[in-house]
Every structure is written in C-alpha cells, then in structure tokens.
C-alpha cells in the first residue's frame, strides 16, 4: 500500500539530520583533504592533490598502515573465535554463570581513561607484570612493555583483547540462547561431542551474527585505537605503535595539519569499507551459500 504524502513529509527532519551530521562531515573530509589548513583560526589554501603525495611519501604513514594491518589481523581472528567459545560455554549455564557474565562484561564498561591508568601501572618497568615475572624467576622476560618498540604494539593489542573478548562473549551467549534446544540435543544424541556441536552445529546457525560482530569489532579496532595509544604510548617509541586512527589525531590536533589528517581519514574510510566487504565474503551465512 503506497505511503500517504503527509506521512512521507514526516521523514524530512530525519533526512535533514542525516544530511547535516552524517553526509555533511563525510563530504567535508574530502574537501579538507585538498587544503593546506592549520585550523579554524587560519586561512585555508587549496593545494589540490599535494596532500595525497605527501601522505603516501611519508614513512610515518607507511608505519601506521603496517601497524593498523597487524592490529586488525591479530585482534579480530583471535577475539571472535575466543569470544564465541566463551559465549557457548556461558550459554550452557555452568555453575555461577551469572557471575561469569558480569565478570566477562565488566572490562568493556571501564572507561578508556581508567583502562589506561590501570595498564600504565601494571605494565610499567616496576609494575605488576614485571614483578610477577621476577617473582617466578623469569627476570630476563621483564621489560618496559609500553616503551619497548618490540612489545608496544603487541601490548596494545593484548589490552584491546582484554577489553573486547568478554562483552563480545556475552553477546554471543545471548544469541546462542535463542537457538532451538532440540537441534543441540539431537546432535548430542547422535554422538557429537562438545567441540563438534559448538563448531559444526551452533556456529553455522549463528554465522550471520558472527559476521555482524566481526564487522563491528573490525571497525572498532580500526577506528578507535587512537584513545588508548594517546594515553599509553603516544604512537611510540618512534612509530612502533602509531596506527592510522592515531595518525589522524596527531596530525590534526598536535601538528595542525588538517589536510594531511583528512587524507589519512579517507584512507581509513576506504580500508573500513574494504574490510567489511572481506568479512562479509568470508562469513557468508548458510542461506547465502545455498543461493
């Protein structure tokens, strides 16, 4: 039944809001990428594609691309399967599963500033991790985790996993709770063990949800790593922990080079779209595979 013109007019405020606060900033990013501009108090100068040439010739940008690729390539393949397994275990309602749900979800509720304070202390040269290593006789493993170029990025990835795995597991548990119990019971009656039931029965049935959470975690990792890096390493030592999202912040607010930062922002946007398309292709649901 066709919509009444009067009803369609009611959508105009939402469309205006979307155009101003979503499409507008997106278009502005492409425009600013063509400018030499130090900020709102300065006069912008149009320089065309010069910013693109500067960005792609900059070794810092190359390091940021490499670090972002490593971050995503490690965090997502580890986080999603681990969260799914924890969510499946939680869905079996083991003893104390309500307490486990709260414990799993808690790291995601801690503010990023508090998370930074916690791990700044835990990972400092005289912090808890090094103290534990020295206490069990592994003095040679102790290091300045956030100040060592060989461990800074890996440490940040580990913190991201600590923050994300638990609450993703709770989301998986909520989705798995909606599966028909007779399907799981039938698999178990047929002799399927726990691992086989989890991966060959439950996983295909929630594959569309797995894909959605993988996309969300991919975007979260790619676009929001700047805050934790700013608090803990500021992209260093050197460029060892500089990611694309942090580079956007550093160029825009620390170095006052808005044109450069927005070129990196465009690269981030394109990588985000490409990554979501890749995840969609890799995690096609059974219904889509049968078409």
C-alpha atoms as a PDB file:
ATOM      1  CA  UNK A   1       0.000   0.000   0.000  1.00  0.00           C
ATOM      2  CA  UNK A   2       1.586   3.345  -1.040  1.00  0.00           C
ATOM      3  CA  UNK A   3       2.507   5.750   1.722  1.00  0.00           C
ATOM      4  CA  UNK A   4       0.483   8.912   2.151  1.00  0.00           C
ATOM      5  CA  UNK A   5       2.348  12.096   1.108  1.00  0.00           C
ATOM      6  CA  UNK A   6       1.594  13.510   4.559  1.00  0.00           C
ATOM      7  CA  UNK A   7       3.379  10.557   6.191  1.00  0.00           C
ATOM      8  CA  UNK A   8       6.395  10.962   3.903  1.00  0.00           C
ATOM      9  CA  UNK A   9       6.720  14.600   4.927  1.00  0.00           C
ATOM     10  CA  UNK A  10       7.349  13.415   8.495  1.00  0.00           C
ATOM     11  CA  UNK A  11      10.642  11.863   7.382  1.00  0.00           C
ATOM     12  CA  UNK A  12      12.103  15.216   6.328  1.00  0.00           C
ATOM     13  CA  UNK A  13      13.526  16.133   9.795  1.00  0.00           C
ATOM     14  CA  UNK A  14      15.337  12.794   9.939  1.00  0.00           C
ATOM     15  CA  UNK A  15      16.687  13.224   6.412  1.00  0.00           C
ATOM     16  CA  UNK A  16      17.911  16.740   7.204  1.00  0.00           C
ATOM     17  CA  UNK A  17      19.579  15.498  10.385  1.00  0.00           C
ATOM     18  CA  UNK A  18      21.277  12.687   8.434  1.00  0.00           C
ATOM     19  CA  UNK A  19      22.434  15.053   5.689  1.00  0.00           C
ATOM     20  CA  UNK A  20      23.838  17.638   8.104  1.00  0.00           C
ATOM     21  CA  UNK A  21      25.501  15.379  10.664  1.00  0.00           C
ATOM     22  CA  UNK A  22      26.425  12.304   8.564  1.00  0.00           C
ATOM     23  CA  UNK A  23      26.752  13.153   4.889  1.00  0.00           C
ATOM     24  CA  UNK A  24      27.997  16.685   5.597  1.00  0.00           C
ATOM     25  CA  UNK A  25      31.074  15.729   7.670  1.00  0.00           C
ATOM     26  CA  UNK A  26      31.863  12.934   5.225  1.00  0.00           C
ATOM     27  CA  UNK A  27      31.850  15.353   2.306  1.00  0.00           C
ATOM     28  CA  UNK A  28      33.854  17.890   4.339  1.00  0.00           C
ATOM     29  CA  UNK A  29      36.574  15.284   4.876  1.00  0.00           C
ATOM     30  CA  UNK A  30      37.154  15.019   1.129  1.00  0.00           C
ATOM     31  CA  UNK A  31      37.174  18.816   0.766  1.00  0.00           C
ATOM     32  CA  UNK A  32      39.622  19.407   3.642  1.00  0.00           C
ATOM     33  CA  UNK A  33      41.931  16.756   2.164  1.00  0.00           C
ATOM     34  CA  UNK A  34      42.595  19.192  -0.709  1.00  0.00           C
ATOM     35  CA  UNK A  35      43.557  22.096   1.578  1.00  0.00           C
ATOM     36  CA  UNK A  36      46.612  23.335   3.424  1.00  0.00           C
ATOM     37  CA  UNK A  37      44.956  24.321   6.680  1.00  0.00           C
ATOM     38  CA  UNK A  38      46.329  24.661  10.197  1.00  0.00           C
ATOM     39  CA  UNK A  39      42.992  25.082  11.958  1.00  0.00           C
ATOM     40  CA  UNK A  40      39.924  27.246  12.392  1.00  0.00           C
ATOM     41  CA  UNK A  41      41.950  30.372  13.201  1.00  0.00           C
ATOM     42  CA  UNK A  42      43.928  30.134   9.964  1.00  0.00           C
ATOM     43  CA  UNK A  43      43.033  30.755   6.333  1.00  0.00           C
ATOM     44  CA  UNK A  44      42.875  27.535   4.262  1.00  0.00           C
ATOM     45  CA  UNK A  45      44.684  27.292   0.930  1.00  0.00           C
ATOM     46  CA  UNK A  46      43.620  24.964  -1.854  1.00  0.00           C
ATOM     47  CA  UNK A  47      46.525  22.745  -2.942  1.00  0.00           C
ATOM     48  CA  UNK A  48      44.699  20.007  -4.858  1.00  0.00           C
ATOM     49  CA  UNK A  49      46.290  16.567  -4.621  1.00  0.00           C
ATOM     50  CA  UNK A  50      49.527  17.697  -2.955  1.00  0.00           C
ATOM     51  CA  UNK A  51      48.439  16.286   0.408  1.00  0.00           C
ATOM     52  CA  UNK A  52      47.967  12.852  -1.137  1.00  0.00           C
ATOM     53  CA  UNK A  53      51.516  12.912  -2.479  1.00  0.00           C
ATOM     54  CA  UNK A  54      52.848  13.985   0.932  1.00  0.00           C
ATOM     55  CA  UNK A  55      50.962  11.280   2.774  1.00  0.00           C
ATOM     56  CA  UNK A  56      51.974   8.406   0.511  1.00  0.00           C
ATOM     57  CA  UNK A  57      55.621   9.508   0.563  1.00  0.00           C
ATOM     58  CA  UNK A  58      55.710   9.735   4.375  1.00  0.00           C
ATOM     59  CA  UNK A  59      57.420   6.806   6.197  1.00  0.00           C
ATOM     60  CA  UNK A  60      55.231   7.513   9.239  1.00  0.00           C
ATOM     61  CA  UNK A  61      52.126   6.807   7.158  1.00  0.00           C
ATOM     62  CA  UNK A  62      53.653   3.543   5.923  1.00  0.00           C
ATOM     63  CA  UNK A  63      54.383   2.523   9.525  1.00  0.00           C
ATOM     64  CA  UNK A  64      50.814   3.425  10.545  1.00  0.00           C
ATOM     65  CA  UNK A  65      49.367   1.288   7.733  1.00  0.00           C
ATOM     66  CA  UNK A  66      51.561  -1.635   8.770  1.00  0.00           C
ATOM     67  CA  UNK A  67      50.655  -1.299  12.452  1.00  0.00           C
ATOM     68  CA  UNK A  68      46.922  -0.999  11.739  1.00  0.00           C
ATOM     69  CA  UNK A  69      47.071  -4.066   9.494  1.00  0.00           C
ATOM     70  CA  UNK A  70      48.869  -6.056  12.209  1.00  0.00           C
ATOM     71  CA  UNK A  71      46.407  -4.860  14.850  1.00  0.00           C
ATOM     72  CA  UNK A  72      43.365  -5.934  12.842  1.00  0.00           C
ATOM     73  CA  UNK A  73      44.943  -9.146  11.528  1.00  0.00           C
ATOM     74  CA  UNK A  74      45.755 -10.294  15.080  1.00  0.00           C
ATOM     75  CA  UNK A  75      42.871  -8.904  17.158  1.00  0.00           C
ATOM     76  CA  UNK A  76      39.865  -9.978  15.069  1.00  0.00           C
ATOM     77  CA  UNK A  77      40.879 -13.620  14.306  1.00  0.00           C
ATOM     78  CA  UNK A  78      41.724 -14.093  17.994  1.00  0.00           C
ATOM     79  CA  UNK A  79      38.811 -12.188  19.521  1.00  0.00           C
ATOM     80  CA  UNK A  80      35.875 -13.599  17.551  1.00  0.00           C
ATOM     81  CA  UNK A  81      36.604 -17.366  17.932  1.00  0.00           C
ATOM     82  CA  UNK A  82      37.617 -16.948  21.581  1.00  0.00           C
ATOM     83  CA  UNK A  83      34.519 -14.872  22.362  1.00  0.00           C
ATOM     84  CA  UNK A  84      32.328 -17.421  20.584  1.00  0.00           C
ATOM     85  CA  UNK A  85      33.767 -20.281  22.637  1.00  0.00           C
ATOM     86  CA  UNK A  86      33.326 -18.350  25.883  1.00  0.00           C
ATOM     87  CA  UNK A  87      29.792 -17.390  24.844  1.00  0.00           C
ATOM     88  CA  UNK A  88      28.952 -21.010  24.037  1.00  0.00           C
ATOM     89  CA  UNK A  89      30.268 -22.107  27.433  1.00  0.00           C
ATOM     90  CA  UNK A  90      28.258 -19.356  29.110  1.00  0.00           C
ATOM     91  CA  UNK A  91      25.148 -20.477  27.228  1.00  0.00           C
ATOM     92  CA  UNK A  92      25.451 -23.966  28.757  1.00  0.00           C
ATOM     93  CA  UNK A  93      24.741 -22.257  32.114  1.00  0.00           C
ATOM     94  CA  UNK A  94      27.655 -23.612  34.148  1.00  0.00           C
ATOM     95  CA  UNK A  95      27.728 -23.097  37.897  1.00  0.00           C
ATOM     96  CA  UNK A  96      27.969 -19.373  38.634  1.00  0.00           C
ATOM     97  CA  UNK A  97      27.247 -18.375  35.039  1.00  0.00           C
ATOM     98  CA  UNK A  98      25.519 -15.149  36.159  1.00  0.00           C
ATOM     99  CA  UNK A  99      28.667 -14.068  37.986  1.00  0.00           C
ATOM    100  CA  UNK A 100      30.720 -15.076  34.948  1.00  0.00           C
ATOM    101  CA  UNK A 101      28.508 -12.906  32.733  1.00  0.00           C
ATOM    102  CA  UNK A 102      29.186  -9.880  34.923  1.00  0.00           C
ATOM    103  CA  UNK A 103      32.929 -10.604  35.012  1.00  0.00           C
ATOM    104  CA  UNK A 104      33.082 -11.056  31.243  1.00  0.00           C
ATOM    105  CA  UNK A 105      31.178  -7.845  30.578  1.00  0.00           C
ATOM    106  CA  UNK A 106      32.959  -5.657  33.153  1.00  0.00           C
ATOM    107  CA  UNK A 107      36.139  -4.771  31.175  1.00  0.00           C
ATOM    108  CA  UNK A 108      34.016  -3.268  28.408  1.00  0.00           C
ATOM    109  CA  UNK A 109      32.322  -0.979  30.950  1.00  0.00           C
ATOM    110  CA  UNK A 110      35.555   0.532  32.253  1.00  0.00           C
ATOM    111  CA  UNK A 111      36.260   3.945  30.733  1.00  0.00           C
ATOM    112  CA  UNK A 112      39.202   4.245  28.382  1.00  0.00           C
ATOM    113  CA  UNK A 113      40.948   6.690  30.722  1.00  0.00           C
ATOM    114  CA  UNK A 114      40.625   4.291  33.661  1.00  0.00           C
ATOM    115  CA  UNK A 115      41.823   1.422  31.478  1.00  0.00           C
ATOM    116  CA  UNK A 116      44.860   3.474  30.529  1.00  0.00           C
ATOM    117  CA  UNK A 117      45.642   4.234  34.185  1.00  0.00           C
ATOM    118  CA  UNK A 118      45.305   0.567  35.163  1.00  0.00           C
ATOM    119  CA  UNK A 119      47.615  -0.747  32.476  1.00  0.00           C
ATOM    120  CA  UNK A 120      50.075   2.119  32.775  1.00  0.00           C
ATOM    121  CA  UNK A 121      50.700   0.921  36.299  1.00  0.00           C
ATOM    122  CA  UNK A 122      50.520  -2.799  35.604  1.00  0.00           C
ATOM    123  CA  UNK A 123      52.903  -2.620  32.614  1.00  0.00           C
ATOM    124  CA  UNK A 124      55.405  -0.080  33.963  1.00  0.00           C
ATOM    125  CA  UNK A 125      59.014  -1.288  34.495  1.00  0.00           C
ATOM    126  CA  UNK A 126      58.308  -1.820  38.211  1.00  0.00           C
ATOM    127  CA  UNK A 127      54.654  -2.789  37.711  1.00  0.00           C
ATOM    128  CA  UNK A 128      52.700  -5.925  38.369  1.00  0.00           C
ATOM    129  CA  UNK A 129      53.622  -7.888  35.242  1.00  0.00           C
ATOM    130  CA  UNK A 130      57.378  -7.454  35.671  1.00  0.00           C
ATOM    131  CA  UNK A 131      57.052  -8.066  39.403  1.00  0.00           C
ATOM    132  CA  UNK A 132      55.314 -11.373  38.702  1.00  0.00           C
ATOM    133  CA  UNK A 133      57.935 -12.396  36.145  1.00  0.00           C
ATOM    134  CA  UNK A 134      60.750 -11.617  38.552  1.00  0.00           C
ATOM    135  CA  UNK A 135      58.935 -13.440  41.324  1.00  0.00           C
ATOM    136  CA  UNK A 136      58.829 -16.686  39.343  1.00  0.00           C
ATOM    137  CA  UNK A 137      62.417 -16.398  38.176  1.00  0.00           C
ATOM    138  CA  UNK A 138      61.827 -15.038  34.662  1.00  0.00           C
ATOM    139  CA  UNK A 139      63.832 -11.844  35.112  1.00  0.00           C
ATOM    140  CA  UNK A 140      65.023 -11.944  31.508  1.00  0.00           C
ATOM    141  CA  UNK A 141      61.404 -11.597  30.297  1.00  0.00           C
ATOM    142  CA  UNK A 142      60.823  -8.380  32.239  1.00  0.00           C
ATOM    143  CA  UNK A 143      60.816  -5.293  30.030  1.00  0.00           C
ATOM    144  CA  UNK A 144      59.336  -1.828  29.701  1.00  0.00           C
ATOM    145  CA  UNK A 145      56.343  -3.174  27.800  1.00  0.00           C
ATOM    146  CA  UNK A 146      54.999   0.175  26.610  1.00  0.00           C
ATOM    147  CA  UNK A 147      58.425   1.737  25.974  1.00  0.00           C
ATOM    148  CA  UNK A 148      59.973  -1.155  24.055  1.00  0.00           C
ATOM    149  CA  UNK A 149      59.489  -0.922  20.254  1.00  0.00           C
ATOM    150  CA  UNK A 150      59.283  -4.711  20.018  1.00  0.00           C
ATOM    151  CA  UNK A 151      56.423  -5.020  22.545  1.00  0.00           C
ATOM    152  CA  UNK A 152      54.475  -1.726  22.469  1.00  0.00           C
ATOM    153  CA  UNK A 153      52.056  -2.656  19.672  1.00  0.00           C
ATOM    154  CA  UNK A 154      51.587  -6.219  20.917  1.00  0.00           C
ATOM    155  CA  UNK A 155      50.795  -4.864  24.387  1.00  0.00           C
ATOM    156  CA  UNK A 156      48.137  -2.520  22.999  1.00  0.00           C
ATOM    157  CA  UNK A 157      46.578  -5.404  21.045  1.00  0.00           C
ATOM    158  CA  UNK A 158      46.501  -7.504  24.231  1.00  0.00           C
ATOM    159  CA  UNK A 159      44.701  -4.687  26.077  1.00  0.00           C
ATOM    160  CA  UNK A 160      42.152  -4.432  23.255  1.00  0.00           C
ATOM    161  CA  UNK A 161      41.530  -8.164  23.530  1.00  0.00           C
ATOM    162  CA  UNK A 162      41.108  -7.892  27.303  1.00  0.00           C
ATOM    163  CA  UNK A 163      38.520  -5.153  26.821  1.00  0.00           C
ATOM    164  CA  UNK A 164      36.626  -6.762  23.950  1.00  0.00           C
ATOM    165  CA  UNK A 165      36.546 -10.533  24.343  1.00  0.00           C
ATOM    166  CA  UNK A 166      34.340 -10.654  27.429  1.00  0.00           C
ATOM    167  CA  UNK A 167      31.473  -8.439  26.379  1.00  0.00           C
ATOM    168  CA  UNK A 168      31.512  -9.985  22.884  1.00  0.00           C
ATOM    169  CA  UNK A 169      31.190 -13.389  24.571  1.00  0.00           C
ATOM    170  CA  UNK A 170      28.119 -12.173  26.471  1.00  0.00           C
ATOM    171  CA  UNK A 171      26.568 -11.005  23.201  1.00  0.00           C
ATOM    172  CA  UNK A 172      27.259 -14.398  21.651  1.00  0.00           C
ATOM    173  CA  UNK A 173      25.695 -16.118  24.661  1.00  0.00           C
ATOM    174  CA  UNK A 174      22.540 -14.029  24.227  1.00  0.00           C
ATOM    175  CA  UNK A 175      22.310 -15.025  20.558  1.00  0.00           C
ATOM    176  CA  UNK A 176      23.018 -18.696  21.242  1.00  0.00           C
ATOM    177  CA  UNK A 177      20.245 -18.737  23.856  1.00  0.00           C
ATOM    178  CA  UNK A 178      17.733 -18.185  21.049  1.00  0.00           C
ATOM    179  CA  UNK A 179      18.721 -21.378  19.181  1.00  0.00           C
ATOM    180  CA  UNK A 180      16.198 -24.239  19.311  1.00  0.00           C
ATOM    181  CA  UNK A 181      17.328 -26.594  22.053  1.00  0.00           C
ATOM    182  CA  UNK A 182      16.152 -29.697  20.210  1.00  0.00           C
ATOM    183  CA  UNK A 183      18.753 -29.174  17.468  1.00  0.00           C
ATOM    184  CA  UNK A 184      21.606 -29.209  20.006  1.00  0.00           C
ATOM    185  CA  UNK A 185      20.062 -32.186  21.803  1.00  0.00           C
ATOM    186  CA  UNK A 186      19.693 -34.105  18.526  1.00  0.00           C
ATOM    187  CA  UNK A 187      23.367 -33.527  17.717  1.00  0.00           C
ATOM    188  CA  UNK A 188      24.391 -34.766  21.148  1.00  0.00           C
ATOM    189  CA  UNK A 189      22.155 -37.852  20.842  1.00  0.00           C
ATOM    190  CA  UNK A 190      23.831 -38.608  17.509  1.00  0.00           C
ATOM    191  CA  UNK A 191      27.163 -38.694  19.319  1.00  0.00           C
ATOM    192  CA  UNK A 192      28.507 -35.251  18.576  1.00  0.00           C
ATOM    193  CA  UNK A 193      30.942 -34.098  21.242  1.00  0.00           C
ATOM    194  CA  UNK A 194      31.012 -30.636  22.720  1.00  0.00           C
ATOM    195  CA  UNK A 195      33.518 -29.196  20.240  1.00  0.00           C
ATOM    196  CA  UNK A 196      31.749 -30.719  17.262  1.00  0.00           C
ATOM    197  CA  UNK A 197      28.370 -29.442  18.470  1.00  0.00           C
ATOM    198  CA  UNK A 198      29.811 -25.991  19.029  1.00  0.00           C
ATOM    199  CA  UNK A 199      31.556 -25.577  15.671  1.00  0.00           C
ATOM    200  CA  UNK A 200      29.530 -27.763  13.309  1.00  0.00           C
ATOM    201  CA  UNK A 201      26.021 -27.171  14.682  1.00  0.00           C
ATOM    202  CA  UNK A 202      25.821 -23.953  16.693  1.00  0.00           C
ATOM    203  CA  UNK A 203      28.344 -21.888  14.744  1.00  0.00           C
ATOM    204  CA  UNK A 204      26.685 -22.251  11.308  1.00  0.00           C
ATOM    205  CA  UNK A 205      23.314 -21.377  12.847  1.00  0.00           C
ATOM    206  CA  UNK A 206      24.606 -18.023  14.165  1.00  0.00           C
ATOM    207  CA  UNK A 207      27.027 -17.272  11.342  1.00  0.00           C
ATOM    208  CA  UNK A 208      25.142 -14.128  10.342  1.00  0.00           C
ATOM    209  CA  UNK A 209      25.527 -12.826  13.903  1.00  0.00           C
ATOM    210  CA  UNK A 210      29.203 -13.780  13.935  1.00  0.00           C
ATOM    211  CA  UNK A 211      29.633 -11.745  10.766  1.00  0.00           C
ATOM    212  CA  UNK A 212      27.902  -8.724  12.303  1.00  0.00           C
ATOM    213  CA  UNK A 213      30.025  -8.799  15.454  1.00  0.00           C
ATOM    214  CA  UNK A 214      33.191  -9.351  13.398  1.00  0.00           C
ATOM    215  CA  UNK A 215      32.374  -6.257  11.341  1.00  0.00           C
ATOM    216  CA  UNK A 216      31.688  -4.190  14.444  1.00  0.00           C
ATOM    217  CA  UNK A 217      34.887  -5.314  16.143  1.00  0.00           C
ATOM    218  CA  UNK A 218      36.854  -4.661  12.949  1.00  0.00           C
ATOM    219  CA  UNK A 219      35.547  -1.096  12.735  1.00  0.00           C
ATOM    220  CA  UNK A 220      36.060  -0.556  16.477  1.00  0.00           C
ATOM    221  CA  UNK A 221      39.668  -1.751  16.274  1.00  0.00           C
ATOM    222  CA  UNK A 222      40.471   0.180  13.104  1.00  0.00           C
ATOM    223  CA  UNK A 223      38.849   3.492  14.022  1.00  0.00           C
ATOM    224  CA  UNK A 224      39.099   3.832  17.809  1.00  0.00           C
ATOM    225  CA  UNK A 225      42.625   2.743  18.712  1.00  0.00           C
ATOM    226  CA  UNK A 226      43.775   6.370  18.978  1.00  0.00           C
ATOM    227  CA  UNK A 227      42.471   6.940  22.521  1.00  0.00           C
ATOM    228  CA  UNK A 228      44.413   4.111  24.150  1.00  0.00           C
ATOM    229  CA  UNK A 229      47.560   4.918  22.160  1.00  0.00           C
ATOM    230  CA  UNK A 230      47.319   8.579  23.188  1.00  0.00           C
ATOM    231  CA  UNK A 231      47.101   7.599  26.860  1.00  0.00           C
ATOM    232  CA  UNK A 232      49.821   4.933  26.902  1.00  0.00           C
ATOM    233  CA  UNK A 233      52.415   5.336  24.136  1.00  0.00           C
ATOM    234  CA  UNK A 234      51.607   8.430  22.021  1.00  0.00           C
ATOM    235  CA  UNK A 235      52.485   6.389  18.960  1.00  0.00           C
ATOM    236  CA  UNK A 236      55.958   5.478  20.166  1.00  0.00           C
ATOM    237  CA  UNK A 237      58.609   4.533  20.745  1.00  0.00           C
ATOM    238  CA  UNK A 238      59.294   6.093  17.365  1.00  0.00           C
ATOM    239  CA  UNK A 239      56.402   4.970  15.201  1.00  0.00           C
ATOM    240  CA  UNK A 240      56.219   1.429  16.579  1.00  0.00           C
ATOM    241  CA  UNK A 241      52.651   1.859  17.900  1.00  0.00           C
ATOM    242  CA  UNK A 242      51.372   4.567  15.544  1.00  0.00           C
ATOM    243  CA  UNK A 243      48.153   3.462  13.833  1.00  0.00           C
ATOM    244  CA  UNK A 244      46.098   5.214  11.190  1.00  0.00           C
ATOM    245  CA  UNK A 245      43.473   6.436  13.639  1.00  0.00           C
ATOM    246  CA  UNK A 246      46.155   7.858  15.937  1.00  0.00           C
ATOM    247  CA  UNK A 247      47.877   9.480  12.962  1.00  0.00           C
ATOM    248  CA  UNK A 248      44.629  11.286  12.097  1.00  0.00           C
ATOM    249  CA  UNK A 249      44.511  12.688  15.649  1.00  0.00           C
ATOM    250  CA  UNK A 250      48.221  13.562  15.822  1.00  0.00           C
ATOM    251  CA  UNK A 251      48.273  15.411  12.505  1.00  0.00           C
ATOM    252  CA  UNK A 252      45.024  17.290  13.146  1.00  0.00           C
ATOM    253  CA  UNK A 253      45.466  18.324  16.787  1.00  0.00           C
ATOM    254  CA  UNK A 254      49.178  18.075  17.613  1.00  0.00           C
ATOM    255  CA  UNK A 255      50.777  19.093  14.331  1.00  0.00           C
ATOM    256  CA  UNK A 256      47.923  21.252  12.981  1.00  0.00           C
ATOM    257  CA  UNK A 257      47.980  19.684   9.532  1.00  0.00           C
ATOM    258  CA  UNK A 258      44.298  19.142   8.804  1.00  0.00           C
ATOM    259  CA  UNK A 259      44.764  18.387   5.107  1.00  0.00           C
ATOM    260  CA  UNK A 260      47.175  15.548   5.829  1.00  0.00           C
ATOM    261  CA  UNK A 261      44.945  14.165   8.582  1.00  0.00           C
ATOM    262  CA  UNK A 262      41.894  14.064   6.344  1.00  0.00           C
ATOM    263  CA  UNK A 263      43.755  12.244   3.579  1.00  0.00           C
ATOM    264  CA  UNK A 264      44.554   9.595   6.202  1.00  0.00           C
ATOM    265  CA  UNK A 265      40.873   9.729   7.205  1.00  0.00           C
ATOM    266  CA  UNK A 266      39.853   8.954   3.622  1.00  0.00           C
ATOM    267  CA  UNK A 267      42.290   6.023   3.583  1.00  0.00           C
ATOM    268  CA  UNK A 268      40.727   4.782   6.833  1.00  0.00           C
ATOM    269  CA  UNK A 269      37.258   5.053   5.325  1.00  0.00           C
ATOM    270  CA  UNK A 270      38.262   3.053   2.249  1.00  0.00           C
ATOM    271  CA  UNK A 271      40.003   0.404   4.357  1.00  0.00           C
ATOM    272  CA  UNK A 272      36.938   0.151   6.573  1.00  0.00           C
ATOM    273  CA  UNK A 273      34.663  -0.455   3.580  1.00  0.00           C
ATOM    274  CA  UNK A 274      37.094  -2.981   2.066  1.00  0.00           C
ATOM    275  CA  UNK A 275      37.427  -4.816   5.381  1.00  0.00           C
ATOM    276  CA  UNK A 276      33.666  -5.109   5.858  1.00  0.00           C
ATOM    277  CA  UNK A 277      33.272  -6.468   2.323  1.00  0.00           C
ATOM    278  CA  UNK A 278      36.008  -9.025   3.027  1.00  0.00           C
ATOM    279  CA  UNK A 279      34.412 -10.122   6.299  1.00  0.00           C
ATOM    280  CA  UNK A 280      31.048 -10.385   4.563  1.00  0.00           C
ATOM    281  CA  UNK A 281      32.569 -12.614   1.892  1.00  0.00           C
ATOM    282  CA  UNK A 282      34.411 -14.827   4.385  1.00  0.00           C
ATOM    283  CA  UNK A 283      31.455 -15.252   6.760  1.00  0.00           C
ATOM    284  CA  UNK A 284      28.610 -15.843   4.383  1.00  0.00           C
ATOM    285  CA  UNK A 285      25.591 -17.411   6.081  1.00  0.00           C
ATOM    286  CA  UNK A 286      24.398 -20.906   5.086  1.00  0.00           C
ATOM    287  CA  UNK A 287      21.334 -19.388   3.355  1.00  0.00           C
ATOM    288  CA  UNK A 288      23.568 -17.182   1.212  1.00  0.00           C
ATOM    289  CA  UNK A 289      25.884 -20.083   0.381  1.00  0.00           C
ATOM    290  CA  UNK A 290      22.938 -22.114  -0.929  1.00  0.00           C
ATOM    291  CA  UNK A 291      21.842 -19.415  -3.362  1.00  0.00           C
END
